[in-house]
């Protein structure tokens, strides 16, 4: 043997050895992009932003000429409302959107008739 292989890192002694078929080939590493916020944190930020916007819309409706404004459900961040015992499921979060409300002009508004 012409080399001393103390770590098992040396190549073969035979100069004609080409190596196994996979020795020169490699697969590129998969890089996961790093984000400042975790997925859970981003989800909570989205909920918070939507709640703030929905609350603002709710206050506009309360100050405006709306008769049937549905009260807002508990906030996602109201942890006392979402308490649960170990082994049980967390109470479901009710979205603050009010689907029957449409911003803009009323369907009864006919600009040709009102002039």
PDB file of N, CA and C in Angstrom:
ATOM      1  N   UNK A   1       0.859  -1.172   0.000  1.00  0.00           N
ATOM      2  CA  UNK A   1       0.000   0.000   0.000  1.00  0.00           C
ATOM      3  C   UNK A   1       0.903   1.233   0.000  1.00  0.00           C
ATOM      4  N   UNK A   2       0.626   2.176  -0.888  1.00  0.00           N
ATOM      5  CA  UNK A   2       1.483   3.340  -0.995  1.00  0.00           C
ATOM      6  C   UNK A   2       1.003   4.505  -0.135  1.00  0.00           C
ATOM      7  N   UNK A   3      -0.216   4.413   0.409  1.00  0.00           N
ATOM      8  CA  UNK A   3      -0.747   5.491   1.259  1.00  0.00           C
ATOM      9  C   UNK A   3      -1.150   4.920   2.606  1.00  0.00           C
ATOM     10  N   UNK A   4      -1.114   5.747   3.594  1.00  0.00           N
ATOM     11  CA  UNK A   4      -1.625   5.360   4.899  1.00  0.00           C
ATOM     12  C   UNK A   4      -3.006   5.982   5.032  1.00  0.00           C
ATOM     13  N   UNK A   5      -4.036   5.149   5.188  1.00  0.00           N
ATOM     14  CA  UNK A   5      -5.427   5.622   5.282  1.00  0.00           C
ATOM     15  C   UNK A   5      -5.858   5.563   6.739  1.00  0.00           C
ATOM     16  N   UNK A   6      -5.678   6.657   7.470  1.00  0.00           N
ATOM     17  CA  UNK A   6      -6.006   6.649   8.889  1.00  0.00           C
ATOM     18  C   UNK A   6      -7.460   6.986   9.171  1.00  0.00           C
ATOM     19  N   UNK A   7      -8.102   7.714   8.273  1.00  0.00           N
ATOM     20  CA  UNK A   7      -9.473   8.151   8.513  1.00  0.00           C
ATOM     21  C   UNK A   7     -10.480   7.495   7.572  1.00  0.00           C
ATOM     22  N   UNK A   8      -9.993   6.705   6.644  1.00  0.00           N
ATOM     23  CA  UNK A   8     -10.900   6.142   5.655  1.00  0.00           C
ATOM     24  C   UNK A   8     -11.269   7.175   4.616  1.00  0.00           C
ATOM     25  N   UNK A   9     -10.496   8.260   4.515  1.00  0.00           N
ATOM     26  CA  UNK A   9     -10.805   9.360   3.609  1.00  0.00           C
ATOM     27  C   UNK A   9     -10.011   9.279   2.302  1.00  0.00           C
ATOM     28  N   UNK A  10      -8.977   8.507   2.268  1.00  0.00           N
ATOM     29  CA  UNK A  10      -8.143   8.454   1.070  1.00  0.00           C
ATOM     30  C   UNK A  10      -8.836   7.668  -0.021  1.00  0.00           C
ATOM     31  N   UNK A  11      -8.511   8.012  -1.246  1.00  0.00           N
ATOM     32  CA  UNK A  11      -9.059   7.288  -2.384  1.00  0.00           C
ATOM     33  C   UNK A  11      -8.344   5.971  -2.576  1.00  0.00           C
ATOM     34  N   UNK A  12      -8.737   5.216  -3.582  1.00  0.00           N
ATOM     35  CA  UNK A  12      -8.101   3.919  -3.826  1.00  0.00           C
ATOM     36  C   UNK A  12      -6.654   4.093  -4.300  1.00  0.00           C
ATOM     37  N   UNK A  13      -5.886   3.066  -4.120  1.00  0.00           N
ATOM     38  CA  UNK A  13      -4.476   3.096  -4.482  1.00  0.00           C
ATOM     39  C   UNK A  13      -4.308   2.916  -5.986  1.00  0.00           C
ATOM     40  N   UNK A  14      -5.225   2.189  -6.626  1.00  0.00           N
ATOM     41  CA  UNK A  14      -5.111   1.896  -8.054  1.00  0.00           C
ATOM     42  C   UNK A  14      -5.336   3.170  -8.872  1.00  0.00           C
ATOM     43  N   UNK A  15      -4.379   3.652  -9.683  1.00  0.00           N
ATOM     44  CA  UNK A  15      -4.540   4.885 -10.456  1.00  0.00           C
ATOM     45  C   UNK A  15      -5.566   4.742 -11.581  1.00  0.00           C
ATOM     46  N   UNK A  16      -5.906   3.550 -11.978  1.00  0.00           N
ATOM     47  CA  UNK A  16      -6.875   3.337 -13.055  1.00  0.00           C
ATOM     48  C   UNK A  16      -8.311   3.253 -12.549  1.00  0.00           C
ATOM     49  N   UNK A  17      -8.490   3.300 -11.247  1.00  0.00           N
ATOM     50  CA  UNK A  17      -9.839   3.179 -10.657  1.00  0.00           C
ATOM     51  C   UNK A  17     -10.643   4.431 -10.966  1.00  0.00           C
ATOM     52  N   UNK A  18     -11.818   4.271 -11.596  1.00  0.00           N
ATOM     53  CA  UNK A  18     -12.662   5.406 -11.982  1.00  0.00           C
ATOM     54  C   UNK A  18     -13.711   5.736 -10.918  1.00  0.00           C
ATOM     55  N   UNK A  19     -13.885   4.890 -10.014  1.00  0.00           N
ATOM     56  CA  UNK A  19     -14.873   5.117  -8.960  1.00  0.00           C
ATOM     57  C   UNK A  19     -16.208   4.495  -9.325  1.00  0.00           C
ATOM     58  N   UNK A  20     -17.078   4.462  -8.365  1.00  0.00           N
ATOM     59  CA  UNK A  20     -18.405   3.914  -8.639  1.00  0.00           C
ATOM     60  C   UNK A  20     -19.192   4.909  -9.481  1.00  0.00           C
ATOM     61  N   UNK A  21     -20.298   4.479 -10.051  1.00  0.00           N
ATOM     62  CA  UNK A  21     -21.086   5.333 -10.945  1.00  0.00           C
ATOM     63  C   UNK A  21     -21.611   6.586 -10.235  1.00  0.00           C
ATOM     64  N   UNK A  22     -21.856   6.485  -8.984  1.00  0.00           N
ATOM     65  CA  UNK A  22     -22.424   7.629  -8.259  1.00  0.00           C
ATOM     66  C   UNK A  22     -21.369   8.493  -7.570  1.00  0.00           C
ATOM     67  N   UNK A  23     -20.097   8.143  -7.696  1.00  0.00           N
ATOM     68  CA  UNK A  23     -19.096   8.887  -6.928  1.00  0.00           C
ATOM     69  C   UNK A  23     -18.929  10.322  -7.413  1.00  0.00           C
ATOM     70  N   UNK A  24     -19.027  10.584  -8.716  1.00  0.00           N
ATOM     71  CA  UNK A  24     -18.854  11.936  -9.222  1.00  0.00           C
ATOM     72  C   UNK A  24     -20.158  12.704  -9.303  1.00  0.00           C
ATOM     73  N   UNK A  25     -21.274  12.047  -9.140  1.00  0.00           N
ATOM     74  CA  UNK A  25     -22.577  12.700  -9.261  1.00  0.00           C
ATOM     75  C   UNK A  25     -23.099  13.084  -7.879  1.00  0.00           C
ATOM     76  N   UNK A  26     -23.784  14.187  -7.836  1.00  0.00           N
ATOM     77  CA  UNK A  26     -24.397  14.597  -6.577  1.00  0.00           C
ATOM     78  C   UNK A  26     -25.729  15.272  -6.879  1.00  0.00           C
ATOM     79  N   UNK A  27     -26.587  15.221  -5.950  1.00  0.00           N
ATOM     80  CA  UNK A  27     -27.866  15.909  -6.075  1.00  0.00           C
ATOM     81  C   UNK A  27     -27.743  17.245  -5.368  1.00  0.00           C
ATOM     82  N   UNK A  28     -28.198  18.310  -6.006  1.00  0.00           N
ATOM     83  CA  UNK A  28     -28.132  19.607  -5.324  1.00  0.00           C
ATOM     84  C   UNK A  28     -28.979  19.590  -4.051  1.00  0.00           C
ATOM     85  N   UNK A  29     -28.512  20.306  -3.064  1.00  0.00           N
ATOM     86  CA  UNK A  29     -29.236  20.380  -1.796  1.00  0.00           C
ATOM     87  C   UNK A  29     -30.528  21.163  -1.972  1.00  0.00           C
ATOM     88  N   UNK A  30     -31.516  20.824  -1.212  1.00  0.00           N
ATOM     89  CA  UNK A  30     -32.783  21.557  -1.211  1.00  0.00           C
ATOM     90  C   UNK A  30     -32.694  22.600  -0.105  1.00  0.00           C
ATOM     91  N   UNK A  31     -32.899  23.844  -0.487  1.00  0.00           N
ATOM     92  CA  UNK A  31     -32.797  24.937   0.467  1.00  0.00           C
ATOM     93  C   UNK A  31     -34.194  25.426   0.810  1.00  0.00           C
ATOM     94  N   UNK A  32     -34.525  25.369   2.074  1.00  0.00           N
ATOM     95  CA  UNK A  32     -35.798  25.929   2.528  1.00  0.00           C
ATOM     96  C   UNK A  32     -35.567  27.389   2.886  1.00  0.00           C
ATOM     97  N   UNK A  33     -36.349  28.293   2.270  1.00  0.00           N
ATOM     98  CA  UNK A  33     -36.135  29.703   2.587  1.00  0.00           C
ATOM     99  C   UNK A  33     -36.483  29.987   4.043  1.00  0.00           C
ATOM    100  N   UNK A  34     -35.704  30.843   4.653  1.00  0.00           N
ATOM    101  CA  UNK A  34     -35.951  31.212   6.049  1.00  0.00           C
ATOM    102  C   UNK A  34     -36.843  32.431   6.072  1.00  0.00           C
ATOM    103  N   UNK A  35     -37.823  32.397   6.913  1.00  0.00           N
ATOM    104  CA  UNK A  35     -38.747  33.508   7.052  1.00  0.00           C
ATOM    105  C   UNK A  35     -38.597  34.105   8.440  1.00  0.00           C
ATOM    106  N   UNK A  36     -38.916  35.372   8.522  1.00  0.00           N
ATOM    107  CA  UNK A  36     -38.835  36.046   9.811  1.00  0.00           C
ATOM    108  C   UNK A  36     -39.893  35.498  10.761  1.00  0.00           C
ATOM    109  N   UNK A  37     -41.089  35.222  10.227  1.00  0.00           N
ATOM    110  CA  UNK A  37     -42.197  34.744  11.043  1.00  0.00           C
ATOM    111  C   UNK A  37     -42.468  33.276  10.755  1.00  0.00           C
ATOM    112  N   UNK A  38     -42.831  32.536  11.777  1.00  0.00           N
ATOM    113  CA  UNK A  38     -43.220  31.147  11.589  1.00  0.00           C
ATOM    114  C   UNK A  38     -44.597  31.113  10.935  1.00  0.00           C
ATOM    115  N   UNK A  39     -45.009  29.943  10.463  1.00  0.00           N
ATOM    116  CA  UNK A  39     -46.326  29.818   9.830  1.00  0.00           C
ATOM    117  C   UNK A  39     -47.440  30.177  10.813  1.00  0.00           C
ATOM    118  N   UNK A  40     -47.318  29.768  12.049  1.00  0.00           N
ATOM    119  CA  UNK A  40     -48.333  30.066  13.053  1.00  0.00           C
ATOM    120  C   UNK A  40     -48.396  31.564  13.326  1.00  0.00           C
ATOM    121  N   UNK A  41     -47.243  32.204  13.413  1.00  0.00           N
ATOM    122  CA  UNK A  41     -47.196  33.642  13.659  1.00  0.00           C
ATOM    123  C   UNK A  41     -47.820  34.397  12.490  1.00  0.00           C
ATOM    124  N   UNK A  42     -47.519  33.966  11.263  1.00  0.00           N
ATOM    125  CA  UNK A  42     -48.095  34.618  10.080  1.00  0.00           C
ATOM    126  C   UNK A  42     -49.613  34.436  10.050  1.00  0.00           C
ATOM    127  N   UNK A  43     -50.087  33.255  10.435  1.00  0.00           N
ATOM    128  CA  UNK A  43     -51.536  33.010  10.470  1.00  0.00           C
ATOM    129  C   UNK A  43     -52.208  33.946  11.480  1.00  0.00           C
ATOM    130  N   UNK A  44     -51.605  34.084  12.649  1.00  0.00           N
ATOM    131  CA  UNK A  44     -52.178  34.959  13.666  1.00  0.00           C
ATOM    132  C   UNK A  44     -52.135  36.426  13.231  1.00  0.00           C
ATOM    133  N   UNK A  45     -51.084  36.828  12.518  1.00  0.00           N
ATOM    134  CA  UNK A  45     -51.023  38.197  12.011  1.00  0.00           C
ATOM    135  C   UNK A  45     -52.147  38.462  11.009  1.00  0.00           C
ATOM    136  N   UNK A  46     -52.411  37.492  10.140  1.00  0.00           N
ATOM    137  CA  UNK A  46     -53.504  37.642   9.173  1.00  0.00           C
ATOM    138  C   UNK A  46     -54.840  37.772   9.894  1.00  0.00           C
ATOM    139  N   UNK A  47     -55.050  36.954  10.906  1.00  0.00           N
ATOM    140  CA  UNK A  47     -56.300  37.025  11.665  1.00  0.00           C
ATOM    141  C   UNK A  47     -56.415  38.384  12.340  1.00  0.00           C
ATOM    142  N   UNK A  48     -55.326  38.861  12.933  1.00  0.00           N
ATOM    143  CA  UNK A  48     -55.337  40.153  13.605  1.00  0.00           C
ATOM    144  C   UNK A  48     -55.649  41.292  12.627  1.00  0.00           C
ATOM    145  N   UNK A  49     -55.006  41.295  11.487  1.00  0.00           N
ATOM    146  CA  UNK A  49     -55.247  42.352  10.488  1.00  0.00           C
ATOM    147  C   UNK A  49     -56.688  42.320  10.018  1.00  0.00           C
ATOM    148  N   UNK A  50     -57.213  41.126   9.748  1.00  0.00           N
ATOM    149  CA  UNK A  50     -58.600  41.024   9.296  1.00  0.00           C
ATOM    150  C   UNK A  50     -59.581  41.449  10.377  1.00  0.00           C
ATOM    151  N   UNK A  51     -59.284  41.122  11.641  1.00  0.00           N
ATOM    152  CA  UNK A  51     -60.164  41.551  12.723  1.00  0.00           C
ATOM    153  C   UNK A  51     -60.172  43.069  12.856  1.00  0.00           C
ATOM    154  N   UNK A  52     -59.016  43.692  12.700  1.00  0.00           N
ATOM    155  CA  UNK A  52     -58.949  45.149  12.792  1.00  0.00           C
ATOM    156  C   UNK A  52     -59.766  45.784  11.664  1.00  0.00           C
ATOM    157  N   UNK A  53     -59.622  45.278  10.459  1.00  0.00           N
ATOM    158  CA  UNK A  53     -60.380  45.824   9.331  1.00  0.00           C
ATOM    159  C   UNK A  53     -61.879  45.574   9.496  1.00  0.00           C
ATOM    160  N   UNK A  54     -62.252  44.372   9.974  1.00  0.00           N
ATOM    161  CA  UNK A  54     -63.664  44.069  10.180  1.00  0.00           C
ATOM    162  C   UNK A  54     -64.250  44.921  11.300  1.00  0.00           C
ATOM    163  N   UNK A  55     -63.465  45.175  12.343  1.00  0.00           N
ATOM    164  CA  UNK A  55     -63.945  46.021  13.438  1.00  0.00           C
ATOM    165  C   UNK A  55     -64.166  47.450  12.939  1.00  0.00           C
ATOM    166  N   UNK A  56     -63.276  47.917  12.092  1.00  0.00           N
ATOM    167  CA  UNK A  56     -63.435  49.256  11.527  1.00  0.00           C
ATOM    168  C   UNK A  56     -64.709  49.327  10.689  1.00  0.00           C
ATOM    169  N   UNK A  57     -64.962  48.302   9.889  1.00  0.00           N
ATOM    170  CA  UNK A  57     -66.182  48.260   9.080  1.00  0.00           C
ATOM    171  C   UNK A  57     -67.415  48.171   9.974  1.00  0.00           C
ATOM    172  N   UNK A  58     -67.319  47.413  11.063  1.00  0.00           N
ATOM    173  CA  UNK A  58     -68.426  47.284  12.010  1.00  0.00           C
ATOM    174  C   UNK A  58     -68.771  48.643  12.628  1.00  0.00           C
ATOM    175  N   UNK A  59     -67.735  49.399  13.015  1.00  0.00           N
ATOM    176  CA  UNK A  59     -67.973  50.720  13.605  1.00  0.00           C
ATOM    177  C   UNK A  59     -68.614  51.663  12.593  1.00  0.00           C
ATOM    178  N   UNK A  60     -68.231  51.561  11.320  1.00  0.00           N
ATOM    179  CA  UNK A  60     -68.862  52.384  10.286  1.00  0.00           C
ATOM    180  C   UNK A  60     -70.343  52.034  10.146  1.00  0.00           C
ATOM    181  N   UNK A  61     -70.635  50.732  10.186  1.00  0.00           N
ATOM    182  CA  UNK A  61     -72.033  50.308  10.073  1.00  0.00           C
ATOM    183  C   UNK A  61     -72.859  50.749  11.272  1.00  0.00           C
ATOM    184  N   UNK A  62     -72.252  50.679  12.460  1.00  0.00           N
ATOM    185  CA  UNK A  62     -72.977  51.093  13.666  1.00  0.00           C
ATOM    186  C   UNK A  62     -73.281  52.591  13.622  1.00  0.00           C
ATOM    187  N   UNK A  63     -72.396  53.377  13.056  1.00  0.00           N
ATOM    188  CA  UNK A  63     -72.611  54.818  12.961  1.00  0.00           C
ATOM    189  C   UNK A  63     -73.507  55.169  11.775  1.00  0.00           C
ATOM    190  N   UNK A  64     -73.660  54.252  10.839  1.00  0.00           N
ATOM    191  CA  UNK A  64     -74.430  54.531   9.626  1.00  0.00           C
ATOM    192  C   UNK A  64     -75.880  54.102   9.732  1.00  0.00           C
ATOM    193  N   UNK A  65     -76.583  54.129   8.621  1.00  0.00           N
ATOM    194  CA  UNK A  65     -78.017  53.832   8.605  1.00  0.00           C
ATOM    195  C   UNK A  65     -78.334  52.343   8.427  1.00  0.00           C
ATOM    196  N   UNK A  66     -77.662  51.474   9.141  1.00  0.00           N
ATOM    197  CA  UNK A  66     -77.899  50.036   9.021  1.00  0.00           C
ATOM    198  C   UNK A  66     -78.755  49.565  10.186  1.00  0.00           C
ATOM    199  N   UNK A  67     -79.766  48.754   9.876  1.00  0.00           N
ATOM    200  CA  UNK A  67     -80.701  48.296  10.901  1.00  0.00           C
ATOM    201  C   UNK A  67     -80.316  46.949  11.506  1.00  0.00           C
ATOM    202  N   UNK A  68     -79.706  46.098  10.735  1.00  0.00           N
ATOM    203  CA  UNK A  68     -79.470  44.725  11.198  1.00  0.00           C
ATOM    204  C   UNK A  68     -77.984  44.403  11.272  1.00  0.00           C
ATOM    205  N   UNK A  69     -77.259  45.131  12.087  1.00  0.00           N
ATOM    206  CA  UNK A  69     -75.834  44.878  12.255  1.00  0.00           C
ATOM    207  C   UNK A  69     -75.651  43.772  13.286  1.00  0.00           C
ATOM    208  N   UNK A  70     -75.042  42.679  12.855  1.00  0.00           N
ATOM    209  CA  UNK A  70     -74.805  41.533  13.725  1.00  0.00           C
ATOM    210  C   UNK A  70     -73.636  41.857  14.657  1.00  0.00           C
ATOM    211  N   UNK A  71     -73.757  41.608  15.971  1.00  0.00           N
ATOM    212  CA  UNK A  71     -72.631  41.883  16.874  1.00  0.00           C
ATOM    213  C   UNK A  71     -71.425  41.008  16.526  1.00  0.00           C
ATOM    214  N   UNK A  72     -70.260  41.537  16.794  1.00  0.00           N
ATOM    215  CA  UNK A  72     -69.037  40.806  16.481  1.00  0.00           C
ATOM    216  C   UNK A  72     -68.834  39.647  17.451  1.00  0.00           C
ATOM    217  N   UNK A  73     -68.362  38.498  16.954  1.00  0.00           N
ATOM    218  CA  UNK A  73     -68.056  37.374  17.850  1.00  0.00           C
ATOM    219  C   UNK A  73     -66.785  37.669  18.645  1.00  0.00           C
ATOM    220  N   UNK A  74     -66.423  36.808  19.592  1.00  0.00           N
ATOM    221  CA  UNK A  74     -65.195  37.037  20.375  1.00  0.00           C
ATOM    222  C   UNK A  74     -63.958  37.057  19.481  1.00  0.00           C
ATOM    223  N   UNK A  75     -63.017  37.872  19.870  1.00  0.00           N
ATOM    224  CA  UNK A  75     -61.761  37.973  19.125  1.00  0.00           C
ATOM    225  C   UNK A  75     -60.964  36.684  19.269  1.00  0.00           C
ATOM    226  N   UNK A  76     -60.189  36.371  18.255  1.00  0.00           N
ATOM    227  CA  UNK A  76     -59.298  35.212  18.285  1.00  0.00           C
ATOM    228  C   UNK A  76     -58.293  35.346  19.430  1.00  0.00           C
ATOM    229  N   UNK A  77     -57.978  36.582  19.801  1.00  0.00           N
ATOM    230  CA  UNK A  77     -56.983  36.842  20.823  1.00  0.00           C
ATOM    231  C   UNK A  77     -57.591  36.952  22.215  1.00  0.00           C
ATOM    232  N   UNK A  78     -58.896  36.729  22.352  1.00  0.00           N
ATOM    233  CA  UNK A  78     -59.560  36.687  23.655  1.00  0.00           C
ATOM    234  C   UNK A  78     -59.360  35.274  24.201  1.00  0.00           C
ATOM    235  N   UNK A  79     -58.242  35.070  24.870  1.00  0.00           N
ATOM    236  CA  UNK A  79     -57.875  33.716  25.285  1.00  0.00           C
ATOM    237  C   UNK A  79     -58.810  33.139  26.340  1.00  0.00           C
ATOM    238  N   UNK A  80     -59.474  33.972  27.108  1.00  0.00           N
ATOM    239  CA  UNK A  80     -60.418  33.450  28.107  1.00  0.00           C
ATOM    240  C   UNK A  80     -61.599  32.763  27.433  1.00  0.00           C
ATOM    241  N   UNK A  81     -62.032  33.294  26.287  1.00  0.00           N
ATOM    242  CA  UNK A  81     -63.155  32.690  25.569  1.00  0.00           C
ATOM    243  C   UNK A  81     -62.772  31.340  24.958  1.00  0.00           C
ATOM    244  N   UNK A  82     -61.510  31.174  24.595  1.00  0.00           N
ATOM    245  CA  UNK A  82     -61.080  29.961  23.911  1.00  0.00           C
ATOM    246  C   UNK A  82     -60.394  28.958  24.834  1.00  0.00           C
ATOM    247  N   UNK A  83     -60.629  29.063  26.143  1.00  0.00           N
ATOM    248  CA  UNK A  83     -60.061  28.089  27.076  1.00  0.00           C
ATOM    249  C   UNK A  83     -60.721  26.732  26.869  1.00  0.00           C
ATOM    250  N   UNK A  84     -59.942  25.669  27.064  1.00  0.00           N
ATOM    251  CA  UNK A  84     -60.485  24.316  26.966  1.00  0.00           C
ATOM    252  C   UNK A  84     -59.636  23.383  27.813  1.00  0.00           C
ATOM    253  N   UNK A  85     -60.191  22.252  28.159  1.00  0.00           N
ATOM    254  CA  UNK A  85     -59.502  21.280  29.006  1.00  0.00           C
ATOM    255  C   UNK A  85     -58.593  20.397  28.154  1.00  0.00           C
ATOM    256  N   UNK A  86     -57.578  19.842  28.800  1.00  0.00           N
ATOM    257  CA  UNK A  86     -56.664  18.932  28.120  1.00  0.00           C
ATOM    258  C   UNK A  86     -57.465  17.740  27.612  1.00  0.00           C
ATOM    259  N   UNK A  87     -57.225  17.345  26.387  1.00  0.00           N
ATOM    260  CA  UNK A  87     -57.944  16.218  25.792  1.00  0.00           C
ATOM    261  C   UNK A  87     -59.152  16.653  24.984  1.00  0.00           C
ATOM    262  N   UNK A  88     -59.577  17.906  25.121  1.00  0.00           N
ATOM    263  CA  UNK A  88     -60.702  18.424  24.343  1.00  0.00           C
ATOM    264  C   UNK A  88     -60.164  19.259  23.187  1.00  0.00           C
ATOM    265  N   UNK A  89     -61.017  19.538  22.242  1.00  0.00           N
ATOM    266  CA  UNK A  89     -60.653  20.392  21.122  1.00  0.00           C
ATOM    267  C   UNK A  89     -60.825  21.857  21.510  1.00  0.00           C
ATOM    268  N   UNK A  90     -60.017  22.716  20.910  1.00  0.00           N
ATOM    269  CA  UNK A  90     -60.161  24.156  21.128  1.00  0.00           C
ATOM    270  C   UNK A  90     -61.476  24.605  20.494  1.00  0.00           C
ATOM    271  N   UNK A  91     -62.222  25.497  21.149  1.00  0.00           N
ATOM    272  CA  UNK A  91     -63.472  25.974  20.561  1.00  0.00           C
ATOM    273  C   UNK A  91     -63.207  26.613  19.200  1.00  0.00           C
ATOM    274  N   UNK A  92     -64.127  26.446  18.249  1.00  0.00           N
ATOM    275  CA  UNK A  92     -63.889  26.982  16.903  1.00  0.00           C
ATOM    276  C   UNK A  92     -63.906  28.510  16.894  1.00  0.00           C
ATOM    277  N   UNK A  93     -63.100  29.067  16.025  1.00  0.00           N
ATOM    278  CA  UNK A  93     -63.030  30.516  15.861  1.00  0.00           C
ATOM    279  C   UNK A  93     -64.053  30.918  14.804  1.00  0.00           C
ATOM    280  N   UNK A  94     -64.919  31.850  15.151  1.00  0.00           N
ATOM    281  CA  UNK A  94     -65.919  32.337  14.204  1.00  0.00           C
ATOM    282  C   UNK A  94     -65.366  33.582  13.515  1.00  0.00           C
ATOM    283  N   UNK A  95     -65.334  33.531  12.198  1.00  0.00           N
ATOM    284  CA  UNK A  95     -64.800  34.646  11.425  1.00  0.00           C
ATOM    285  C   UNK A  95     -65.662  35.883  11.625  1.00  0.00           C
ATOM    286  N   UNK A  96     -65.045  37.048  11.582  1.00  0.00           N
ATOM    287  CA  UNK A  96     -65.758  38.296  11.841  1.00  0.00           C
ATOM    288  C   UNK A  96     -66.490  38.827  10.620  1.00  0.00           C
ATOM    289  N   UNK A  97     -66.240  38.281   9.470  1.00  0.00           N
ATOM    290  CA  UNK A  97     -66.906  38.794   8.267  1.00  0.00           C
ATOM    291  C   UNK A  97     -68.402  38.628   8.380  1.00  0.00           C
ATOM    292  N   UNK A  98     -69.117  39.565   7.825  1.00  0.00           N
ATOM    293  CA  UNK A  98     -70.574  39.488   7.802  1.00  0.00           C
ATOM    294  C   UNK A  98     -70.981  39.336   6.342  1.00  0.00           C
ATOM    295  N   UNK A  99     -71.238  38.095   5.918  1.00  0.00           N
ATOM    296  CA  UNK A  99     -71.408  37.813   4.493  1.00  0.00           C
ATOM    297  C   UNK A  99     -72.618  38.494   3.847  1.00  0.00           C
ATOM    298  N   UNK A 100     -73.640  38.818   4.616  1.00  0.00           N
ATOM    299  CA  UNK A 100     -74.823  39.422   4.019  1.00  0.00           C
ATOM    300  C   UNK A 100     -74.662  40.920   3.791  1.00  0.00           C
ATOM    301  N   UNK A 101     -73.527  41.482   4.173  1.00  0.00           N
ATOM    302  CA  UNK A 101     -73.291  42.913   3.985  1.00  0.00           C
ATOM    303  C   UNK A 101     -72.437  43.113   2.750  1.00  0.00           C
ATOM    304  N   UNK A 102     -72.856  44.035   1.886  1.00  0.00           N
ATOM    305  CA  UNK A 102     -72.086  44.374   0.691  1.00  0.00           C
ATOM    306  C   UNK A 102     -71.813  45.860   0.704  1.00  0.00           C
ATOM    307  N   UNK A 103     -70.550  46.202   0.623  1.00  0.00           N
ATOM    308  CA  UNK A 103     -70.187  47.618   0.599  1.00  0.00           C
ATOM    309  C   UNK A 103     -70.559  48.207  -0.751  1.00  0.00           C
ATOM    310  N   UNK A 104     -70.842  49.464  -0.766  1.00  0.00           N
ATOM    311  CA  UNK A 104     -71.155  50.139  -2.019  1.00  0.00           C
ATOM    312  C   UNK A 104     -72.617  50.528  -2.078  1.00  0.00           C
ATOM    313  N   UNK A 105     -73.094  50.677  -3.281  1.00  0.00           N
ATOM    314  CA  UNK A 105     -74.467  51.135  -3.485  1.00  0.00           C
ATOM    315  C   UNK A 105     -75.465  50.015  -3.254  1.00  0.00           C
ATOM    316  N   UNK A 106     -76.620  50.371  -2.808  1.00  0.00           N
ATOM    317  CA  UNK A 106     -77.697  49.426  -2.571  1.00  0.00           C
ATOM    318  C   UNK A 106     -78.221  48.890  -3.899  1.00  0.00           C
ATOM    319  N   UNK A 107     -78.691  47.622  -3.958  1.00  0.00           N
ATOM    320  CA  UNK A 107     -79.241  47.089  -5.203  1.00  0.00           C
ATOM    321  C   UNK A 107     -80.508  47.842  -5.632  1.00  0.00           C
ATOM    322  N   UNK A 108     -81.174  48.463  -4.681  1.00  0.00           N
ATOM    323  CA  UNK A 108     -82.390  49.207  -5.020  1.00  0.00           C
ATOM    324  C   UNK A 108     -82.081  50.561  -5.659  1.00  0.00           C
ATOM    325  N   UNK A 109     -80.850  50.987  -5.599  1.00  0.00           N
ATOM    326  CA  UNK A 109     -80.467  52.292  -6.134  1.00  0.00           C
ATOM    327  C   UNK A 109     -80.483  52.243  -7.659  1.00  0.00           C
ATOM    328  N   UNK A 110     -81.299  53.049  -8.257  1.00  0.00           N
ATOM    329  CA  UNK A 110     -81.399  53.136  -9.713  1.00  0.00           C
ATOM    330  C   UNK A 110     -81.077  54.573 -10.104  1.00  0.00           C
ATOM    331  N   UNK A 111     -79.897  54.854 -10.604  1.00  0.00           N
ATOM    332  CA  UNK A 111     -79.521  56.250 -10.865  1.00  0.00           C
ATOM    333  C   UNK A 111     -80.419  56.913 -11.905  1.00  0.00           C
ATOM    334  N   UNK A 112     -80.956  56.186 -12.852  1.00  0.00           N
ATOM    335  CA  UNK A 112     -81.827  56.790 -13.861  1.00  0.00           C
ATOM    336  C   UNK A 112     -83.128  57.294 -13.263  1.00  0.00           C
ATOM    337  N   UNK A 113     -83.654  56.595 -12.252  1.00  0.00           N
ATOM    338  CA  UNK A 113     -84.926  56.971 -11.648  1.00  0.00           C
ATOM    339  C   UNK A 113     -84.776  58.080 -10.617  1.00  0.00           C
ATOM    340  N   UNK A 114     -83.577  58.158  -9.992  1.00  0.00           N
ATOM    341  CA  UNK A 114     -83.390  59.132  -8.921  1.00  0.00           C
ATOM    342  C   UNK A 114     -83.069  60.540  -9.425  1.00  0.00           C
ATOM    343  N   UNK A 115     -82.863  60.689 -10.702  1.00  0.00           N
ATOM    344  CA  UNK A 115     -82.480  62.021 -11.191  1.00  0.00           C
ATOM    345  C   UNK A 115     -83.674  62.872 -11.528  1.00  0.00           C
TER     346      UNK A 115
END
